[in-house]
Amino acid sequence: MSDPYASRPAVHEQTVDGFGTVRVLPLDPAADAPLLHHWVSEERAVFWGMNGLTVERVAEIYAHMETLDTHHAYLVVKDGDPTALLQTYEPEADRVGDCYPVEPGDIGVHLLLAPAGPGETRPGWTAGLAVAVVTYVLGVLDRRRIVVDPDVANEKAVARFIRQGFTTGPRVVLPEVDLPDVYLPEKNAQLAFLTREVAFRG
């Protein structure tokens, strides 16, 4: 089967042993919106905060993000199949920057995994994907530390980050953001951090 994403330039491509080839592609808001809408509309993605939005609104949100220098969105593709939505951001330009002491070299990350197919099991899937994502964020982008801020109620995400080597930080309340192009409700978040030294040891 041909890869519909093959013609799109990647900012990072990596073959992960025992997993497959992962490509990180800059998001195309118009082309990718229907796929992303499907992902964010599922109950499992409630913590992403985009349940109930239309395809058009999803496209608008990511088109707006494309105009920013501090926030970036990517489609992560494994062996030609879209597998995750990756967002990176400068913590000092985000509400999380009000909640912890930002250090030079910090970068914020949001990661939404694609849903599994009916009856599909994916042992080792998250870990394999994380290898490529972490290599891109810390290696290619040359950052020192990743910060994530999953909702405290999203226990699966918190546990997933800990398994990947993240160290938990404080629980914080991210303030509401109410702007013309962006609305984010207040959020109780569990901060967690992954340093380059821990990510690439051994």
N, C-alpha and C. Protein backbone atom coordinates (compact mmCIF):
# COMPACT_ATOMS: atom_id res chain seq x y z
N MET A 1 0.84 -1.18 0.00
CA MET A 1 0.00 0.00 0.00
C MET A 1 0.89 1.24 0.00
N SER A 2 0.58 2.21 -0.82
CA SER A 2 1.40 3.41 -0.91
C SER A 2 1.22 4.27 0.33
N ASP A 3 2.23 5.04 0.65
CA ASP A 3 2.23 5.91 1.81
C ASP A 3 1.73 7.29 1.39
N PRO A 4 0.54 7.69 1.85
CA PRO A 4 -0.01 8.99 1.42
C PRO A 4 0.79 10.17 1.98
N TYR A 5 1.66 9.90 2.93
CA TYR A 5 2.45 10.97 3.54
C TYR A 5 3.88 11.03 3.01
N ALA A 6 4.20 10.15 2.07
CA ALA A 6 5.58 10.03 1.61
C ALA A 6 6.11 11.32 0.99
N SER A 7 5.24 12.10 0.36
CA SER A 7 5.70 13.31 -0.33
C SER A 7 5.87 14.50 0.62
N ARG A 8 5.43 14.34 1.86
CA ARG A 8 5.53 15.45 2.81
C ARG A 8 6.89 15.44 3.50
N PRO A 9 7.59 16.58 3.50
CA PRO A 9 8.91 16.62 4.12
C PRO A 9 8.82 16.45 5.63
N ALA A 10 9.76 15.71 6.18
CA ALA A 10 9.80 15.45 7.62
C ALA A 10 10.88 16.31 8.28
N VAL A 11 10.60 16.73 9.51
CA VAL A 11 11.63 17.42 10.28
C VAL A 11 12.51 16.41 11.01
N HIS A 12 12.03 15.17 11.09
CA HIS A 12 12.81 14.10 11.73
C HIS A 12 12.32 12.77 11.20
N GLU A 13 13.26 11.88 10.93
CA GLU A 13 12.94 10.50 10.52
C GLU A 13 13.89 9.57 11.23
N GLN A 14 13.34 8.51 11.81
CA GLN A 14 14.17 7.61 12.61
C GLN A 14 13.60 6.20 12.54
N THR A 15 14.47 5.24 12.33
CA THR A 15 14.08 3.83 12.40
C THR A 15 14.37 3.32 13.80
N VAL A 16 13.33 2.92 14.50
CA VAL A 16 13.45 2.43 15.87
C VAL A 16 13.47 0.91 15.84
N ASP A 17 14.52 0.32 16.38
CA ASP A 17 14.67 -1.14 16.36
C ASP A 17 13.44 -1.83 16.93
N GLY A 18 12.94 -2.81 16.20
CA GLY A 18 11.80 -3.58 16.66
C GLY A 18 10.48 -2.86 16.61
N PHE A 19 10.47 -1.66 16.07
CA PHE A 19 9.23 -0.88 16.05
C PHE A 19 8.85 -0.44 14.65
N GLY A 20 9.75 0.27 13.97
CA GLY A 20 9.46 0.73 12.62
C GLY A 20 10.08 2.09 12.37
N THR A 21 9.73 2.66 11.24
CA THR A 21 10.26 3.97 10.85
C THR A 21 9.26 5.05 11.22
N VAL A 22 9.72 6.00 11.99
CA VAL A 22 8.87 7.09 12.47
C VAL A 22 9.30 8.38 11.78
N ARG A 23 8.31 9.11 11.24
CA ARG A 23 8.56 10.41 10.61
C ARG A 23 7.73 11.46 11.32
N VAL A 24 8.35 12.60 11.61
CA VAL A 24 7.67 13.71 12.26
C VAL A 24 7.46 14.79 11.19
N LEU A 25 6.19 15.05 10.87
CA LEU A 25 5.83 15.95 9.78
C LEU A 25 5.18 17.22 10.34
N PRO A 26 5.56 18.40 9.86
CA PRO A 26 4.82 19.60 10.25
C PRO A 26 3.34 19.42 9.90
N LEU A 27 2.49 19.79 10.82
CA LEU A 27 1.06 19.59 10.61
C LEU A 27 0.55 20.45 9.46
N ASP A 28 -0.32 19.89 8.65
CA ASP A 28 -1.04 20.63 7.62
C ASP A 28 -2.46 20.82 8.14
N PRO A 29 -2.79 22.00 8.69
CA PRO A 29 -4.08 22.16 9.36
C PRO A 29 -5.29 21.77 8.51
N ALA A 30 -5.30 22.17 7.25
CA ALA A 30 -6.46 21.87 6.40
C ALA A 30 -6.53 20.38 6.06
N ALA A 31 -5.41 19.82 5.63
CA ALA A 31 -5.39 18.42 5.19
C ALA A 31 -5.56 17.44 6.35
N ASP A 32 -5.01 17.80 7.52
CA ASP A 32 -5.00 16.86 8.65
C ASP A 32 -6.20 17.03 9.59
N ALA A 33 -6.96 18.10 9.43
CA ALA A 33 -8.06 18.37 10.36
C ALA A 33 -9.08 17.23 10.46
N PRO A 34 -9.52 16.61 9.35
CA PRO A 34 -10.50 15.53 9.50
C PRO A 34 -9.98 14.37 10.35
N LEU A 35 -8.71 14.00 10.16
CA LEU A 35 -8.11 12.93 10.96
C LEU A 35 -8.03 13.34 12.42
N LEU A 36 -7.52 14.54 12.67
CA LEU A 36 -7.38 15.00 14.05
C LEU A 36 -8.74 15.13 14.72
N HIS A 37 -9.75 15.59 13.98
CA HIS A 37 -11.09 15.71 14.54
C HIS A 37 -11.59 14.36 15.01
N HIS A 38 -11.32 13.32 14.23
CA HIS A 38 -11.71 11.95 14.62
C HIS A 38 -11.03 11.57 15.93
N TRP A 39 -9.75 11.87 16.05
CA TRP A 39 -9.00 11.51 17.26
C TRP A 39 -9.50 12.28 18.48
N VAL A 40 -9.62 13.61 18.36
CA VAL A 40 -9.92 14.43 19.53
C VAL A 40 -11.38 14.33 19.95
N SER A 41 -12.24 13.78 19.10
CA SER A 41 -13.66 13.69 19.41
C SER A 41 -14.00 12.44 20.23
N GLU A 42 -13.05 11.51 20.34
CA GLU A 42 -13.31 10.29 21.08
C GLU A 42 -13.29 10.57 22.58
N GLU A 43 -14.06 9.78 23.32
CA GLU A 43 -14.12 9.96 24.77
C GLU A 43 -12.74 9.81 25.41
N ARG A 44 -11.92 8.93 24.86
CA ARG A 44 -10.58 8.71 25.42
C ARG A 44 -9.71 9.96 25.33
N ALA A 45 -10.08 10.90 24.46
CA ALA A 45 -9.30 12.12 24.27
C ALA A 45 -9.91 13.31 24.99
N VAL A 46 -10.78 13.05 25.97
CA VAL A 46 -11.47 14.15 26.64
C VAL A 46 -10.50 15.13 27.28
N PHE A 47 -9.35 14.64 27.75
CA PHE A 47 -8.39 15.52 28.41
C PHE A 47 -7.65 16.43 27.42
N TRP A 48 -7.78 16.12 26.12
CA TRP A 48 -7.18 17.00 25.11
C TRP A 48 -7.94 18.31 25.00
N GLY A 49 -9.21 18.29 25.43
CA GLY A 49 -9.98 19.52 25.53
C GLY A 49 -10.63 19.97 24.24
N MET A 50 -10.79 19.06 23.26
CA MET A 50 -11.38 19.48 21.99
C MET A 50 -12.61 18.66 21.63
N ASN A 51 -13.17 17.93 22.58
CA ASN A 51 -14.42 17.21 22.34
C ASN A 51 -15.51 18.19 21.94
N GLY A 52 -16.32 17.81 20.95
CA GLY A 52 -17.46 18.63 20.57
C GLY A 52 -17.17 19.69 19.53
N LEU A 53 -15.91 19.84 19.12
CA LEU A 53 -15.59 20.83 18.10
C LEU A 53 -15.86 20.27 16.71
N THR A 54 -16.10 21.16 15.77
CA THR A 54 -16.28 20.74 14.38
C THR A 54 -14.92 20.56 13.71
N VAL A 55 -14.92 19.92 12.55
CA VAL A 55 -13.69 19.78 11.77
C VAL A 55 -13.13 21.16 11.43
N GLU A 56 -14.03 22.07 11.09
CA GLU A 56 -13.61 23.42 10.71
C GLU A 56 -12.93 24.14 11.87
N ARG A 57 -13.47 23.96 13.06
CA ARG A 57 -12.88 24.63 14.23
C ARG A 57 -11.51 24.03 14.55
N VAL A 58 -11.38 22.71 14.44
CA VAL A 58 -10.07 22.07 14.65
C VAL A 58 -9.05 22.63 13.66
N ALA A 59 -9.45 22.77 12.40
CA ALA A 59 -8.56 23.33 11.39
C ALA A 59 -8.17 24.77 11.74
N GLU A 60 -9.14 25.55 12.22
CA GLU A 60 -8.87 26.94 12.59
C GLU A 60 -7.86 27.03 13.73
N ILE A 61 -8.02 26.17 14.72
CA ILE A 61 -7.12 26.20 15.88
C ILE A 61 -5.68 25.92 15.46
N TYR A 62 -5.51 24.92 14.59
CA TYR A 62 -4.14 24.59 14.19
C TYR A 62 -3.60 25.54 13.14
N ALA A 63 -4.48 26.17 12.37
CA ALA A 63 -4.03 27.22 11.46
C ALA A 63 -3.52 28.41 12.26
N HIS A 64 -4.20 28.73 13.36
CA HIS A 64 -3.73 29.80 14.24
C HIS A 64 -2.38 29.45 14.85
N MET A 65 -2.23 28.19 15.31
CA MET A 65 -0.96 27.77 15.90
C MET A 65 0.18 27.89 14.91
N GLU A 66 -0.13 27.66 13.64
CA GLU A 66 0.89 27.73 12.59
C GLU A 66 1.47 29.14 12.46
N THR A 67 0.74 30.15 12.92
CA THR A 67 1.21 31.53 12.83
C THR A 67 2.12 31.90 14.00
N LEU A 68 2.24 31.02 14.99
CA LEU A 68 3.01 31.33 16.20
C LEU A 68 4.45 30.85 16.07
N ASP A 69 5.37 31.60 16.67
CA ASP A 69 6.77 31.18 16.72
C ASP A 69 7.05 30.31 17.92
N THR A 70 6.13 30.30 18.89
CA THR A 70 6.39 29.63 20.17
C THR A 70 5.69 28.28 20.31
N HIS A 71 4.73 28.00 19.46
CA HIS A 71 3.97 26.75 19.53
C HIS A 71 3.97 26.09 18.15
N HIS A 72 4.20 24.77 18.12
CA HIS A 72 4.27 24.05 16.85
C HIS A 72 3.54 22.72 16.96
N ALA A 73 2.95 22.29 15.86
CA ALA A 73 2.20 21.03 15.83
C ALA A 73 2.73 20.13 14.71
N TYR A 74 2.75 18.83 15.00
CA TYR A 74 3.30 17.85 14.06
C TYR A 74 2.42 16.61 14.02
N LEU A 75 2.38 15.98 12.86
CA LEU A 75 1.76 14.67 12.72
C LEU A 75 2.88 13.63 12.72
N VAL A 76 2.77 12.67 13.61
CA VAL A 76 3.78 11.61 13.71
C VAL A 76 3.27 10.38 12.96
N VAL A 77 4.06 9.92 12.03
CA VAL A 77 3.67 8.81 11.15
C VAL A 77 4.61 7.64 11.33
N LYS A 78 4.07 6.45 11.53
CA LYS A 78 4.87 5.23 11.67
C LYS A 78 4.61 4.30 10.49
N ASP A 79 5.64 4.04 9.73
CA ASP A 79 5.53 3.15 8.57
C ASP A 79 4.34 3.55 7.68
N GLY A 80 4.16 4.86 7.53
CA GLY A 80 3.12 5.37 6.64
C GLY A 80 1.77 5.58 7.28
N ASP A 81 1.61 5.16 8.55
CA ASP A 81 0.32 5.32 9.23
C ASP A 81 0.41 6.42 10.27
N PRO A 82 -0.54 7.36 10.29
CA PRO A 82 -0.53 8.41 11.31
C PRO A 82 -0.76 7.81 12.69
N THR A 83 0.13 8.15 13.63
CA THR A 83 0.09 7.49 14.93
C THR A 83 -0.02 8.45 16.11
N ALA A 84 0.26 9.74 15.91
CA ALA A 84 0.19 10.65 17.05
C ALA A 84 0.17 12.10 16.57
N LEU A 85 -0.36 12.95 17.43
CA LEU A 85 -0.30 14.39 17.26
C LEU A 85 0.68 14.91 18.31
N LEU A 86 1.73 15.57 17.87
CA LEU A 86 2.75 16.12 18.76
C LEU A 86 2.69 17.64 18.72
N GLN A 87 2.66 18.25 19.89
CA GLN A 87 2.74 19.71 19.98
C GLN A 87 3.91 20.08 20.88
N THR A 88 4.71 21.05 20.43
CA THR A 88 5.79 21.56 21.26
C THR A 88 5.56 23.04 21.49
N TYR A 89 6.07 23.54 22.60
CA TYR A 89 5.86 24.96 22.89
C TYR A 89 6.94 25.46 23.85
N GLU A 90 7.14 26.75 23.83
CA GLU A 90 8.06 27.40 24.75
C GLU A 90 7.32 27.63 26.07
N PRO A 91 7.76 27.03 27.17
CA PRO A 91 7.02 27.14 28.43
C PRO A 91 6.79 28.58 28.88
N GLU A 92 7.78 29.45 28.63
CA GLU A 92 7.62 30.83 29.09
C GLU A 92 6.56 31.58 28.30
N ALA A 93 6.14 31.02 27.15
CA ALA A 93 5.09 31.64 26.33
C ALA A 93 3.75 30.92 26.52
N ASP A 94 3.68 30.08 27.54
CA ASP A 94 2.49 29.27 27.79
C ASP A 94 2.09 29.42 29.26
N ARG A 95 0.84 29.07 29.54
CA ARG A 95 0.37 29.24 30.92
C ARG A 95 1.16 28.38 31.91
N VAL A 96 1.76 27.28 31.47
CA VAL A 96 2.53 26.45 32.38
C VAL A 96 3.73 27.22 32.93
N GLY A 97 4.19 28.21 32.18
CA GLY A 97 5.34 29.00 32.62
C GLY A 97 5.06 29.82 33.86
N ASP A 98 3.78 30.00 34.18
CA ASP A 98 3.41 30.71 35.41
C ASP A 98 3.41 29.80 36.63
N CYS A 99 3.62 28.50 36.40
CA CYS A 99 3.39 27.52 37.46
C CYS A 99 4.64 26.79 37.93
N TYR A 100 5.78 27.04 37.30
CA TYR A 100 7.03 26.41 37.76
C TYR A 100 8.19 27.27 37.27
N PRO A 101 9.38 27.15 37.88
CA PRO A 101 10.53 27.95 37.44
C PRO A 101 11.12 27.41 36.14
N VAL A 102 10.83 28.09 35.04
CA VAL A 102 11.33 27.66 33.73
C VAL A 102 12.85 27.80 33.68
N GLU A 103 13.52 26.76 33.17
CA GLU A 103 14.97 26.79 33.04
C GLU A 103 15.36 26.90 31.57
N PRO A 104 16.54 27.47 31.29
CA PRO A 104 17.02 27.53 29.90
C PRO A 104 17.08 26.12 29.30
N GLY A 105 16.59 25.99 28.09
CA GLY A 105 16.59 24.68 27.43
C GLY A 105 15.36 23.86 27.66
N ASP A 106 14.39 24.38 28.44
CA ASP A 106 13.13 23.66 28.64
C ASP A 106 12.27 23.74 27.38
N ILE A 107 11.50 22.70 27.13
CA ILE A 107 10.52 22.72 26.05
C ILE A 107 9.30 21.94 26.50
N GLY A 108 8.12 22.48 26.24
CA GLY A 108 6.89 21.81 26.60
C GLY A 108 6.43 20.88 25.49
N VAL A 109 5.79 19.79 25.88
CA VAL A 109 5.31 18.80 24.91
C VAL A 109 3.90 18.34 25.28
N HIS A 110 3.02 18.28 24.28
CA HIS A 110 1.74 17.60 24.39
C HIS A 110 1.75 16.48 23.35
N LEU A 111 1.30 15.29 23.72
CA LEU A 111 1.30 14.16 22.80
C LEU A 111 -0.03 13.43 22.90
N LEU A 112 -0.74 13.34 21.77
CA LEU A 112 -2.00 12.60 21.69
C LEU A 112 -1.78 11.39 20.79
N LEU A 113 -1.93 10.20 21.35
CA LEU A 113 -1.73 8.98 20.58
C LEU A 113 -2.99 8.65 19.79
N ALA A 114 -2.79 8.15 18.58
CA ALA A 114 -3.92 7.71 17.76
C ALA A 114 -4.62 6.54 18.44
N PRO A 115 -5.93 6.42 18.27
CA PRO A 115 -6.64 5.29 18.89
C PRO A 115 -6.25 3.97 18.22
N ALA A 116 -6.26 2.93 19.01
CA ALA A 116 -6.01 1.59 18.46
C ALA A 116 -7.21 1.15 17.64
N GLY A 117 -6.97 0.29 16.67
CA GLY A 117 -8.07 -0.25 15.88
C GLY A 117 -8.87 -1.25 16.69
N PRO A 118 -10.06 -1.63 16.21
CA PRO A 118 -10.89 -2.60 16.92
C PRO A 118 -10.14 -3.89 17.21
N GLY A 119 -10.07 -4.28 18.46
CA GLY A 119 -9.39 -5.51 18.83
C GLY A 119 -7.88 -5.47 18.72
N GLU A 120 -7.33 -4.29 18.43
CA GLU A 120 -5.87 -4.18 18.22
C GLU A 120 -5.14 -4.03 19.56
N THR A 121 -4.07 -4.78 19.73
CA THR A 121 -3.18 -4.61 20.89
C THR A 121 -1.84 -4.11 20.38
N ARG A 122 -1.21 -3.23 21.14
CA ARG A 122 0.01 -2.60 20.67
C ARG A 122 1.11 -2.62 21.73
N PRO A 123 1.55 -3.82 22.14
CA PRO A 123 2.61 -3.88 23.15
C PRO A 123 3.89 -3.20 22.65
N GLY A 124 4.45 -2.36 23.51
CA GLY A 124 5.69 -1.66 23.15
C GLY A 124 5.51 -0.50 22.21
N TRP A 125 4.26 -0.20 21.85
CA TRP A 125 3.97 0.82 20.85
C TRP A 125 4.29 2.22 21.36
N THR A 126 3.85 2.51 22.57
CA THR A 126 4.10 3.84 23.14
C THR A 126 5.59 4.07 23.34
N ALA A 127 6.28 3.04 23.84
CA ALA A 127 7.71 3.17 24.09
C ALA A 127 8.47 3.41 22.79
N GLY A 128 8.10 2.69 21.73
CA GLY A 128 8.78 2.86 20.45
C GLY A 128 8.56 4.24 19.87
N LEU A 129 7.34 4.72 19.99
CA LEU A 129 7.02 6.05 19.50
C LEU A 129 7.77 7.11 20.30
N ALA A 130 7.86 6.90 21.61
CA ALA A 130 8.52 7.86 22.49
C ALA A 130 10.00 8.02 22.15
N VAL A 131 10.63 6.94 21.72
CA VAL A 131 12.05 7.01 21.35
C VAL A 131 12.27 8.07 20.28
N ALA A 132 11.45 8.02 19.23
CA ALA A 132 11.60 8.97 18.13
C ALA A 132 11.21 10.38 18.53
N VAL A 133 10.13 10.52 19.29
CA VAL A 133 9.67 11.84 19.70
C VAL A 133 10.70 12.50 20.61
N VAL A 134 11.23 11.77 21.58
CA VAL A 134 12.21 12.33 22.50
C VAL A 134 13.50 12.67 21.76
N THR A 135 13.91 11.82 20.83
CA THR A 135 15.10 12.12 20.05
C THR A 135 14.94 13.41 19.26
N TYR A 136 13.75 13.61 18.70
CA TYR A 136 13.50 14.83 17.95
C TYR A 136 13.53 16.05 18.87
N VAL A 137 12.79 15.98 19.97
CA VAL A 137 12.62 17.16 20.83
C VAL A 137 13.93 17.52 21.55
N LEU A 138 14.60 16.53 22.11
CA LEU A 138 15.82 16.82 22.87
C LEU A 138 17.07 16.84 22.01
N GLY A 139 17.10 15.97 20.98
CA GLY A 139 18.29 15.88 20.15
C GLY A 139 18.29 16.86 18.99
N VAL A 140 17.31 16.72 18.10
CA VAL A 140 17.26 17.57 16.90
C VAL A 140 17.02 19.04 17.27
N LEU A 141 16.11 19.28 18.19
CA LEU A 141 15.82 20.65 18.62
C LEU A 141 16.81 21.15 19.66
N ASP A 142 17.68 20.25 20.12
CA ASP A 142 18.78 20.61 21.03
C ASP A 142 18.25 21.27 22.31
N ARG A 143 17.35 20.58 22.98
CA ARG A 143 16.81 21.07 24.25
C ARG A 143 17.35 20.23 25.41
N ARG A 144 17.28 20.78 26.60
CA ARG A 144 17.84 20.12 27.77
C ARG A 144 16.81 19.34 28.57
N ARG A 145 15.54 19.77 28.52
CA ARG A 145 14.55 19.14 29.38
C ARG A 145 13.16 19.30 28.79
N ILE A 146 12.37 18.21 28.83
CA ILE A 146 10.97 18.24 28.41
C ILE A 146 10.09 18.41 29.65
N VAL A 147 9.08 19.26 29.53
CA VAL A 147 8.06 19.37 30.57
C VAL A 147 6.71 18.98 29.98
N VAL A 148 5.96 18.16 30.72
CA VAL A 148 4.60 17.79 30.31
C VAL A 148 3.66 18.15 31.45
N ASP A 149 2.38 18.36 31.12
CA ASP A 149 1.42 18.80 32.14
C ASP A 149 0.08 18.09 32.00
N PRO A 150 0.08 16.73 32.07
CA PRO A 150 -1.20 16.03 31.96
C PRO A 150 -2.14 16.37 33.11
N ASP A 151 -3.44 16.29 32.82
CA ASP A 151 -4.46 16.48 33.85
C ASP A 151 -4.23 15.46 34.96
N VAL A 152 -4.36 15.88 36.22
CA VAL A 152 -4.12 14.95 37.32
C VAL A 152 -5.08 13.77 37.26
N ALA A 153 -6.26 13.97 36.66
CA ALA A 153 -7.24 12.88 36.56
C ALA A 153 -6.90 11.90 35.43
N ASN A 154 -5.97 12.28 34.56
CA ASN A 154 -5.59 11.42 33.44
C ASN A 154 -4.49 10.48 33.91
N GLU A 155 -4.87 9.52 34.72
CA GLU A 155 -3.91 8.64 35.37
C GLU A 155 -3.11 7.80 34.36
N LYS A 156 -3.75 7.45 33.25
CA LYS A 156 -3.04 6.65 32.24
C LYS A 156 -1.87 7.44 31.66
N ALA A 157 -2.12 8.71 31.36
CA ALA A 157 -1.05 9.54 30.78
C ALA A 157 0.07 9.75 31.77
N VAL A 158 -0.28 10.04 33.02
CA VAL A 158 0.74 10.24 34.05
C VAL A 158 1.60 8.99 34.20
N ALA A 159 0.95 7.82 34.28
CA ALA A 159 1.69 6.57 34.42
C ALA A 159 2.57 6.30 33.20
N ARG A 160 2.06 6.66 32.01
CA ARG A 160 2.83 6.45 30.78
C ARG A 160 4.11 7.28 30.80
N PHE A 161 4.01 8.53 31.22
CA PHE A 161 5.20 9.39 31.27
C PHE A 161 6.21 8.85 32.28
N ILE A 162 5.74 8.38 33.42
CA ILE A 162 6.65 7.84 34.44
C ILE A 162 7.38 6.62 33.89
N ARG A 163 6.67 5.77 33.16
CA ARG A 163 7.31 4.59 32.55
C ARG A 163 8.39 4.99 31.56
N GLN A 164 8.23 6.15 30.92
CA GLN A 164 9.20 6.61 29.93
C GLN A 164 10.38 7.34 30.57
N GLY A 165 10.42 7.37 31.90
CA GLY A 165 11.57 7.97 32.57
C GLY A 165 11.36 9.37 33.11
N PHE A 166 10.15 9.91 32.97
CA PHE A 166 9.88 11.24 33.50
C PHE A 166 9.86 11.21 35.03
N THR A 167 10.27 12.32 35.62
CA THR A 167 10.20 12.51 37.06
C THR A 167 9.05 13.47 37.37
N THR A 168 8.18 13.08 38.29
CA THR A 168 7.05 13.94 38.59
C THR A 168 7.50 15.17 39.37
N GLY A 169 6.87 16.28 39.05
CA GLY A 169 7.09 17.53 39.75
C GLY A 169 5.87 17.88 40.56
N PRO A 170 5.61 19.15 40.77
CA PRO A 170 4.45 19.54 41.58
C PRO A 170 3.13 19.39 40.82
N ARG A 171 2.06 19.29 41.59
CA ARG A 171 0.72 19.45 41.03
C ARG A 171 0.40 20.93 41.05
N VAL A 172 -0.10 21.44 39.93
CA VAL A 172 -0.34 22.87 39.81
C VAL A 172 -1.72 23.11 39.20
N VAL A 173 -2.18 24.33 39.31
CA VAL A 173 -3.43 24.74 38.66
C VAL A 173 -3.06 25.68 37.52
N LEU A 174 -3.26 25.22 36.29
CA LEU A 174 -2.99 26.06 35.13
C LEU A 174 -4.15 27.04 34.98
N PRO A 175 -3.86 28.33 34.87
CA PRO A 175 -4.94 29.33 34.83
C PRO A 175 -5.73 29.26 33.53
N GLU A 176 -6.98 29.71 33.59
CA GLU A 176 -7.83 29.80 32.41
C GLU A 176 -7.20 30.76 31.39
N VAL A 177 -7.32 30.40 30.11
CA VAL A 177 -6.90 31.28 29.02
C VAL A 177 -8.13 31.59 28.18
N ASP A 178 -8.44 32.87 28.05
CA ASP A 178 -9.63 33.28 27.30
C ASP A 178 -9.23 34.40 26.33
N LEU A 179 -8.82 33.99 25.13
CA LEU A 179 -8.38 34.92 24.09
C LEU A 179 -9.28 34.75 22.86
N PRO A 180 -9.23 35.70 21.92
CA PRO A 180 -10.07 35.57 20.72
C PRO A 180 -9.85 34.27 19.96
N ASP A 181 -8.59 33.80 19.88
CA ASP A 181 -8.31 32.60 19.10
C ASP A 181 -8.15 31.34 19.94
N VAL A 182 -8.06 31.50 21.25
CA VAL A 182 -7.78 30.35 22.13
C VAL A 182 -8.60 30.46 23.40
N TYR A 183 -9.26 29.35 23.76
CA TYR A 183 -9.88 29.27 25.08
C TYR A 183 -9.46 27.96 25.74
N LEU A 184 -8.90 28.08 26.93
CA LEU A 184 -8.52 26.91 27.69
C LEU A 184 -9.05 27.06 29.11
N PRO A 185 -9.85 26.11 29.58
CA PRO A 185 -10.36 26.22 30.95
C PRO A 185 -9.25 25.95 31.96
N GLU A 186 -9.48 26.34 33.19
CA GLU A 186 -8.53 26.05 34.26
C GLU A 186 -8.27 24.54 34.32
N LYS A 187 -7.06 24.17 34.64
CA LYS A 187 -6.69 22.74 34.59
C LYS A 187 -5.83 22.38 35.79
N ASN A 188 -6.19 21.31 36.49
CA ASN A 188 -5.34 20.74 37.53
C ASN A 188 -4.37 19.78 36.87
N ALA A 189 -3.10 20.13 36.91
CA ALA A 189 -2.10 19.39 36.14
C ALA A 189 -1.03 18.79 37.03
N GLN A 190 -0.52 17.66 36.59
CA GLN A 190 0.64 17.02 37.21
C GLN A 190 1.84 17.30 36.32
N LEU A 191 2.75 18.14 36.76
CA LEU A 191 3.94 18.39 35.96
C LEU A 191 4.90 17.21 36.07
N ALA A 192 5.61 16.96 34.97
CA ALA A 192 6.64 15.91 34.96
C ALA A 192 7.73 16.34 33.99
N PHE A 193 8.95 15.88 34.26
CA PHE A 193 10.11 16.36 33.53
C PHE A 193 11.00 15.20 33.07
N LEU A 194 11.59 15.36 31.89
CA LEU A 194 12.55 14.39 31.37
C LEU A 194 13.77 15.15 30.87
N THR A 195 14.93 14.90 31.50
CA THR A 195 16.15 15.58 31.09
C THR A 195 16.85 14.80 29.98
N ARG A 196 17.70 15.49 29.27
CA ARG A 196 18.46 14.84 28.20
C ARG A 196 19.34 13.72 28.75
N GLU A 197 19.93 13.96 29.95
CA GLU A 197 20.81 12.95 30.55
C GLU A 197 20.07 11.65 30.83
N VAL A 198 18.87 11.76 31.35
CA VAL A 198 18.08 10.56 31.63
C VAL A 198 17.61 9.91 30.34
N ALA A 199 17.16 10.70 29.40
CA ALA A 199 16.61 10.16 28.15
C ALA A 199 17.65 9.38 27.34
N PHE A 200 18.87 9.85 27.34
CA PHE A 200 19.89 9.25 26.46
C PHE A 200 20.96 8.45 27.21
N ARG A 201 20.73 8.17 28.49
CA ARG A 201 21.73 7.40 29.23
C ARG A 201 21.80 5.97 28.68
N GLY A 202 23.00 5.42 28.69
CA GLY A 202 23.20 4.05 28.22
C GLY A 202 23.10 3.94 26.74
